[in-house]
C-alpha cells in the first residue's frame, strides 16, 4: 500500500472518530469514581457504635475525584447516582475516542515525511 493511500485511510478514520464525538450529545461528563460505604453517626450508644457487629448507617454513595487542589468527594443520592454513572461512562468513552484519534495522528505523522 502506498503512503498516500495509507494517509488517506488514516485521515478518513480520524474524521469518522471526530464526527462520533461531535454527534454525541453528552449532558454530563464526570472524571471520577463512585465509592459506597456506611457511616457512623454521633449519637451515643447507637447501633453503629457497637463494639461487636456494628450496623453502619447507609450504604451511602460518594463521587470521588482528584482535582487540581487534591482529592474531593461529594455525596450522591437517588437519581443523581444514575446521572453520575452515565457521566463516568461518557468520560471513559471520550477518553477512548481521543486515544484512538491520537494513535491515528501518530501513525499519520510517522508515515508522512512532509508532516501534513
N, C-alpha and C. Protein backbone atom coordinates (compact mmCIF):
# COMPACT_ATOMS: atom_id res chain seq x y z
N UNK A 1 0.85 -1.17 0.00
CA UNK A 1 0.00 0.00 0.00
C UNK A 1 0.89 1.23 0.00
N UNK A 2 0.60 2.20 -0.88
CA UNK A 2 1.44 3.39 -0.93
C UNK A 2 1.13 4.33 0.24
N UNK A 3 2.07 5.24 0.49
CA UNK A 3 1.97 6.13 1.64
C UNK A 3 0.76 7.05 1.54
N UNK A 4 0.47 7.55 0.34
CA UNK A 4 -0.65 8.48 0.16
C UNK A 4 -1.98 7.78 0.44
N UNK A 5 -2.14 6.56 -0.08
CA UNK A 5 -3.36 5.80 0.14
C UNK A 5 -3.53 5.51 1.63
N UNK A 6 -2.44 5.12 2.28
CA UNK A 6 -2.46 4.84 3.72
C UNK A 6 -2.82 6.10 4.49
N UNK A 7 -2.25 7.23 4.10
CA UNK A 7 -2.52 8.51 4.75
C UNK A 7 -4.00 8.88 4.62
N UNK A 8 -4.57 8.68 3.44
CA UNK A 8 -5.98 8.99 3.22
C UNK A 8 -6.89 8.11 4.08
N UNK A 9 -6.55 6.84 4.20
CA UNK A 9 -7.34 5.93 5.04
C UNK A 9 -7.29 6.35 6.51
N UNK A 10 -6.09 6.72 6.97
CA UNK A 10 -5.97 7.18 8.35
C UNK A 10 -6.75 8.47 8.57
N UNK A 11 -6.68 9.37 7.60
CA UNK A 11 -7.41 10.63 7.69
C UNK A 11 -8.92 10.38 7.74
N UNK A 12 -9.38 9.43 6.96
CA UNK A 12 -10.79 9.07 6.96
C UNK A 12 -11.21 8.50 8.32
N UNK A 13 -10.37 7.62 8.89
CA UNK A 13 -10.67 7.06 10.21
C UNK A 13 -10.70 8.16 11.27
N UNK A 14 -9.80 9.14 11.15
CA UNK A 14 -9.74 10.23 12.11
C UNK A 14 -11.01 11.09 12.02
N UNK A 15 -11.43 11.42 10.80
CA UNK A 15 -12.65 12.21 10.62
C UNK A 15 -13.87 11.49 11.20
N UNK A 16 -13.93 10.17 10.99
CA UNK A 16 -15.05 9.38 11.49
C UNK A 16 -15.08 9.41 13.02
N UNK A 17 -13.93 9.26 13.65
CA UNK A 17 -13.87 9.28 15.12
C UNK A 17 -14.28 10.65 15.65
N UNK A 18 -13.80 11.72 15.00
CA UNK A 18 -14.16 13.08 15.43
C UNK A 18 -15.65 13.35 15.24
N UNK A 19 -16.22 12.86 14.15
CA UNK A 19 -17.65 13.09 13.93
C UNK A 19 -18.48 12.36 14.97
N UNK A 20 -17.99 11.21 15.43
CA UNK A 20 -18.69 10.49 16.50
C UNK A 20 -18.74 11.31 17.77
N UNK A 21 -17.66 11.99 18.09
CA UNK A 21 -17.63 12.84 19.27
C UNK A 21 -18.54 14.05 19.07
N UNK A 22 -18.51 14.64 17.89
CA UNK A 22 -19.36 15.80 17.61
C UNK A 22 -20.84 15.45 17.65
N UNK A 23 -21.18 14.25 17.13
CA UNK A 23 -22.58 13.82 17.08
C UNK A 23 -23.15 13.55 18.45
N UNK A 24 -22.32 13.04 19.33
CA UNK A 24 -22.84 12.65 20.64
C UNK A 24 -23.16 13.89 21.47
N UNK A 25 -24.33 13.89 22.04
CA UNK A 25 -24.74 15.00 22.89
C UNK A 25 -24.60 14.49 24.32
N UNK A 26 -23.52 14.90 24.94
CA UNK A 26 -23.22 14.44 26.28
C UNK A 26 -23.69 15.48 27.29
N UNK A 27 -24.69 15.13 28.06
CA UNK A 27 -25.23 16.08 29.03
C UNK A 27 -24.37 16.17 30.28
N UNK A 28 -23.59 15.13 30.54
CA UNK A 28 -22.74 15.13 31.72
C UNK A 28 -21.49 14.32 31.43
N UNK A 29 -20.36 14.84 31.85
CA UNK A 29 -19.07 14.15 31.73
C UNK A 29 -18.39 14.26 33.09
N UNK A 30 -18.07 13.13 33.69
CA UNK A 30 -17.51 13.13 35.04
C UNK A 30 -16.26 12.27 35.07
N UNK A 31 -15.16 12.88 35.53
CA UNK A 31 -13.92 12.14 35.75
C UNK A 31 -13.86 11.83 37.24
N UNK A 32 -14.05 10.57 37.58
CA UNK A 32 -14.04 10.18 38.98
C UNK A 32 -14.55 8.76 39.13
N UNK A 33 -14.84 8.39 40.37
CA UNK A 33 -15.37 7.06 40.62
C UNK A 33 -16.38 7.15 41.77
N UNK A 34 -17.25 6.16 41.81
CA UNK A 34 -18.25 6.09 42.87
C UNK A 34 -17.78 5.08 43.90
N UNK A 35 -17.79 5.49 45.14
CA UNK A 35 -17.48 4.56 46.23
C UNK A 35 -18.69 4.51 47.15
N UNK A 36 -18.88 3.38 47.77
CA UNK A 36 -20.04 3.15 48.63
C UNK A 36 -19.55 2.67 49.99
N UNK A 37 -20.08 3.27 51.03
CA UNK A 37 -19.74 2.79 52.37
C UNK A 37 -20.78 3.25 53.37
N UNK A 38 -20.73 2.66 54.56
CA UNK A 38 -21.62 3.03 55.65
C UNK A 38 -20.95 4.06 56.54
N UNK A 39 -21.75 4.75 57.35
CA UNK A 39 -21.24 5.79 58.23
C UNK A 39 -21.56 5.49 59.69
N UNK A 40 -20.78 6.09 60.55
CA UNK A 40 -21.02 6.05 61.99
C UNK A 40 -21.52 7.44 62.38
N UNK A 41 -22.65 7.50 63.09
CA UNK A 41 -23.21 8.80 63.46
C UNK A 41 -22.64 9.27 64.80
N UNK A 42 -23.10 10.40 65.26
CA UNK A 42 -22.61 10.97 66.51
C UNK A 42 -23.49 10.66 67.72
N UNK A 43 -24.53 9.86 67.54
CA UNK A 43 -25.43 9.55 68.65
C UNK A 43 -24.82 8.50 69.55
N UNK A 44 -24.61 8.84 70.86
CA UNK A 44 -24.00 7.86 71.78
C UNK A 44 -24.88 6.61 71.92
N UNK A 45 -24.22 5.45 71.99
CA UNK A 45 -24.92 4.19 72.22
C UNK A 45 -25.72 3.67 71.04
N UNK A 46 -25.62 4.30 69.89
CA UNK A 46 -26.40 3.87 68.73
C UNK A 46 -25.81 2.60 68.15
N UNK A 47 -26.58 1.87 67.37
CA UNK A 47 -26.18 0.57 66.81
C UNK A 47 -24.90 0.64 65.98
N UNK A 48 -24.61 1.80 65.41
CA UNK A 48 -23.41 1.92 64.58
C UNK A 48 -22.14 1.98 65.43
N UNK A 49 -22.28 2.16 66.74
CA UNK A 49 -21.12 2.28 67.62
C UNK A 49 -20.85 1.02 68.43
N UNK A 50 -21.62 -0.04 68.20
CA UNK A 50 -21.40 -1.28 68.94
C UNK A 50 -20.00 -1.81 68.68
N UNK A 51 -19.39 -2.37 69.72
CA UNK A 51 -18.03 -2.92 69.56
C UNK A 51 -18.07 -4.20 68.73
N UNK A 52 -19.10 -4.99 68.93
CA UNK A 52 -19.25 -6.23 68.16
C UNK A 52 -20.41 -6.07 67.18
N UNK A 53 -20.14 -6.41 65.95
CA UNK A 53 -21.15 -6.38 64.88
C UNK A 53 -21.88 -5.03 64.78
N UNK A 54 -21.15 -3.93 64.59
CA UNK A 54 -21.82 -2.64 64.43
C UNK A 54 -22.62 -2.60 63.13
N UNK A 55 -23.77 -1.94 63.17
CA UNK A 55 -24.60 -1.77 61.97
C UNK A 55 -24.46 -0.32 61.52
N UNK A 56 -23.67 -0.13 60.49
CA UNK A 56 -23.42 1.21 59.99
C UNK A 56 -24.64 1.76 59.26
N UNK A 57 -24.78 3.06 59.26
CA UNK A 57 -25.85 3.72 58.52
C UNK A 57 -25.50 3.71 57.03
N UNK A 58 -26.49 3.59 56.20
CA UNK A 58 -26.22 3.60 54.77
C UNK A 58 -26.70 2.31 54.13
N UNK A 59 -26.13 1.94 53.04
CA UNK A 59 -24.91 2.47 52.45
C UNK A 59 -25.16 3.81 51.76
N UNK A 60 -24.12 4.63 51.74
CA UNK A 60 -24.14 5.92 51.09
C UNK A 60 -23.16 5.89 49.92
N UNK A 61 -23.49 6.65 48.90
CA UNK A 61 -22.67 6.68 47.68
C UNK A 61 -21.98 8.05 47.57
N UNK A 62 -20.71 8.01 47.20
CA UNK A 62 -19.91 9.22 47.06
C UNK A 62 -19.21 9.23 45.72
N UNK A 63 -19.17 10.40 45.10
CA UNK A 63 -18.36 10.59 43.91
C UNK A 63 -17.01 11.11 44.39
N UNK A 64 -15.96 10.38 44.08
CA UNK A 64 -14.60 10.79 44.45
C UNK A 64 -13.85 11.17 43.19
N UNK A 65 -13.11 12.26 43.27
CA UNK A 65 -12.32 12.68 42.12
C UNK A 65 -11.11 13.46 42.59
N UNK A 66 -10.10 13.48 41.76
CA UNK A 66 -8.88 14.22 42.05
C UNK A 66 -8.91 15.50 41.22
N UNK A 67 -8.91 16.61 41.91
CA UNK A 67 -8.90 17.91 41.24
C UNK A 67 -7.52 18.55 41.32
N UNK A 68 -7.43 19.76 40.84
CA UNK A 68 -6.14 20.45 40.85
C UNK A 68 -5.67 20.77 42.26
N UNK A 69 -6.59 20.78 43.21
CA UNK A 69 -6.23 21.09 44.59
C UNK A 69 -6.39 19.89 45.51
N UNK A 70 -6.23 18.69 44.99
CA UNK A 70 -6.29 17.49 45.82
C UNK A 70 -7.52 16.64 45.56
N UNK A 71 -7.75 15.69 46.46
CA UNK A 71 -8.88 14.77 46.33
C UNK A 71 -10.15 15.41 46.88
N UNK A 72 -11.26 15.11 46.21
CA UNK A 72 -12.55 15.66 46.62
C UNK A 72 -13.58 14.54 46.62
N UNK A 73 -14.64 14.74 47.39
CA UNK A 73 -15.68 13.74 47.47
C UNK A 73 -17.01 14.45 47.74
N UNK A 74 -18.05 14.03 47.05
CA UNK A 74 -19.39 14.56 47.31
C UNK A 74 -20.37 13.40 47.40
N UNK A 75 -21.35 13.56 48.29
CA UNK A 75 -22.38 12.53 48.44
C UNK A 75 -23.35 12.63 47.27
N UNK A 76 -23.72 11.48 46.73
CA UNK A 76 -24.71 11.45 45.65
C UNK A 76 -25.85 10.55 46.10
N UNK A 77 -27.06 11.04 45.94
CA UNK A 77 -28.23 10.29 46.41
C UNK A 77 -29.26 10.18 45.30
N UNK A 78 -30.07 9.17 45.37
CA UNK A 78 -31.21 8.99 44.47
C UNK A 78 -30.84 8.96 43.00
N UNK A 79 -31.58 9.72 42.21
CA UNK A 79 -31.40 9.77 40.75
C UNK A 79 -30.03 10.28 40.36
N UNK A 80 -29.43 11.10 41.20
CA UNK A 80 -28.11 11.66 40.87
C UNK A 80 -27.08 10.55 40.66
N UNK A 81 -27.23 9.43 41.35
CA UNK A 81 -26.27 8.33 41.20
C UNK A 81 -26.28 7.83 39.76
N UNK A 82 -27.45 7.64 39.18
CA UNK A 82 -27.53 7.19 37.78
C UNK A 82 -26.93 8.23 36.83
N UNK A 83 -27.18 9.49 37.12
CA UNK A 83 -26.64 10.56 36.29
C UNK A 83 -25.11 10.57 36.36
N UNK A 84 -24.57 10.41 37.56
CA UNK A 84 -23.11 10.39 37.73
C UNK A 84 -22.52 9.16 37.04
N UNK A 85 -23.17 8.00 37.17
CA UNK A 85 -22.69 6.80 36.49
C UNK A 85 -22.62 7.01 34.98
N UNK A 86 -23.64 7.68 34.42
CA UNK A 86 -23.63 7.99 32.98
C UNK A 86 -22.50 8.94 32.65
N UNK A 87 -22.27 9.92 33.51
CA UNK A 87 -21.18 10.87 33.30
C UNK A 87 -19.82 10.19 33.29
N UNK A 88 -19.64 9.21 34.16
CA UNK A 88 -18.38 8.45 34.21
C UNK A 88 -18.22 7.63 32.94
N UNK A 89 -19.31 6.99 32.49
CA UNK A 89 -19.25 6.23 31.23
C UNK A 89 -18.91 7.16 30.06
N UNK A 90 -19.52 8.35 30.03
CA UNK A 90 -19.25 9.32 28.96
C UNK A 90 -17.79 9.74 28.97
N UNK A 91 -17.25 9.99 30.14
CA UNK A 91 -15.84 10.39 30.25
C UNK A 91 -14.94 9.29 29.70
N UNK A 92 -15.20 8.05 30.09
CA UNK A 92 -14.37 6.93 29.62
C UNK A 92 -14.48 6.77 28.11
N UNK A 93 -15.69 6.97 27.57
CA UNK A 93 -15.88 6.85 26.12
C UNK A 93 -15.10 7.93 25.38
N UNK A 94 -15.21 9.18 25.87
CA UNK A 94 -14.49 10.28 25.23
C UNK A 94 -12.98 10.03 25.27
N UNK A 95 -12.46 9.60 26.40
CA UNK A 95 -11.03 9.36 26.52
C UNK A 95 -10.59 8.24 25.57
N UNK A 96 -11.42 7.22 25.43
CA UNK A 96 -11.10 6.13 24.49
C UNK A 96 -11.05 6.65 23.06
N UNK A 97 -12.02 7.50 22.69
CA UNK A 97 -12.05 8.07 21.34
C UNK A 97 -10.85 8.99 21.11
N UNK A 98 -10.50 9.80 22.10
CA UNK A 98 -9.34 10.69 21.96
C UNK A 98 -8.05 9.89 21.81
N UNK A 99 -7.95 8.77 22.51
CA UNK A 99 -6.77 7.91 22.37
C UNK A 99 -6.70 7.36 20.95
N UNK A 100 -7.86 6.94 20.41
CA UNK A 100 -7.88 6.44 19.02
C UNK A 100 -7.42 7.52 18.05
N UNK A 101 -7.91 8.75 18.24
CA UNK A 101 -7.53 9.86 17.36
C UNK A 101 -6.04 10.14 17.49
N UNK A 102 -5.53 10.14 18.72
CA UNK A 102 -4.11 10.38 18.94
C UNK A 102 -3.26 9.29 18.28
N UNK A 103 -3.70 8.04 18.37
CA UNK A 103 -2.97 6.94 17.72
C UNK A 103 -2.94 7.13 16.20
N UNK A 104 -4.07 7.55 15.65
CA UNK A 104 -4.14 7.81 14.21
C UNK A 104 -3.20 8.95 13.84
N UNK A 105 -3.23 10.04 14.62
CA UNK A 105 -2.35 11.17 14.35
C UNK A 105 -0.88 10.76 14.40
N UNK A 106 -0.53 9.94 15.36
CA UNK A 106 0.85 9.46 15.47
C UNK A 106 1.25 8.68 14.22
N UNK A 107 0.36 7.77 13.79
CA UNK A 107 0.65 6.99 12.58
C UNK A 107 0.76 7.88 11.36
N UNK A 108 -0.09 8.90 11.27
CA UNK A 108 -0.04 9.81 10.12
C UNK A 108 1.28 10.59 10.13
N UNK A 109 1.70 11.05 11.28
CA UNK A 109 2.97 11.78 11.37
C UNK A 109 4.15 10.88 11.03
N UNK A 110 4.10 9.64 11.47
CA UNK A 110 5.19 8.72 11.21
C UNK A 110 5.26 8.34 9.74
N UNK A 111 4.09 8.20 9.09
CA UNK A 111 4.04 7.73 7.70
C UNK A 111 4.19 8.82 6.66
N UNK A 112 4.00 10.09 7.05
CA UNK A 112 4.04 11.17 6.08
C UNK A 112 5.30 12.01 6.32
N UNK A 113 6.29 11.88 5.46
CA UNK A 113 7.54 12.61 5.67
C UNK A 113 7.38 14.12 5.59
N UNK A 114 6.30 14.61 4.95
CA UNK A 114 6.06 16.05 4.85
C UNK A 114 5.46 16.61 6.14
N UNK A 115 4.94 15.71 6.99
CA UNK A 115 4.34 16.15 8.25
C UNK A 115 2.97 16.78 8.09
N UNK A 116 2.28 16.44 7.00
CA UNK A 116 0.95 17.03 6.75
C UNK A 116 -0.14 16.10 7.21
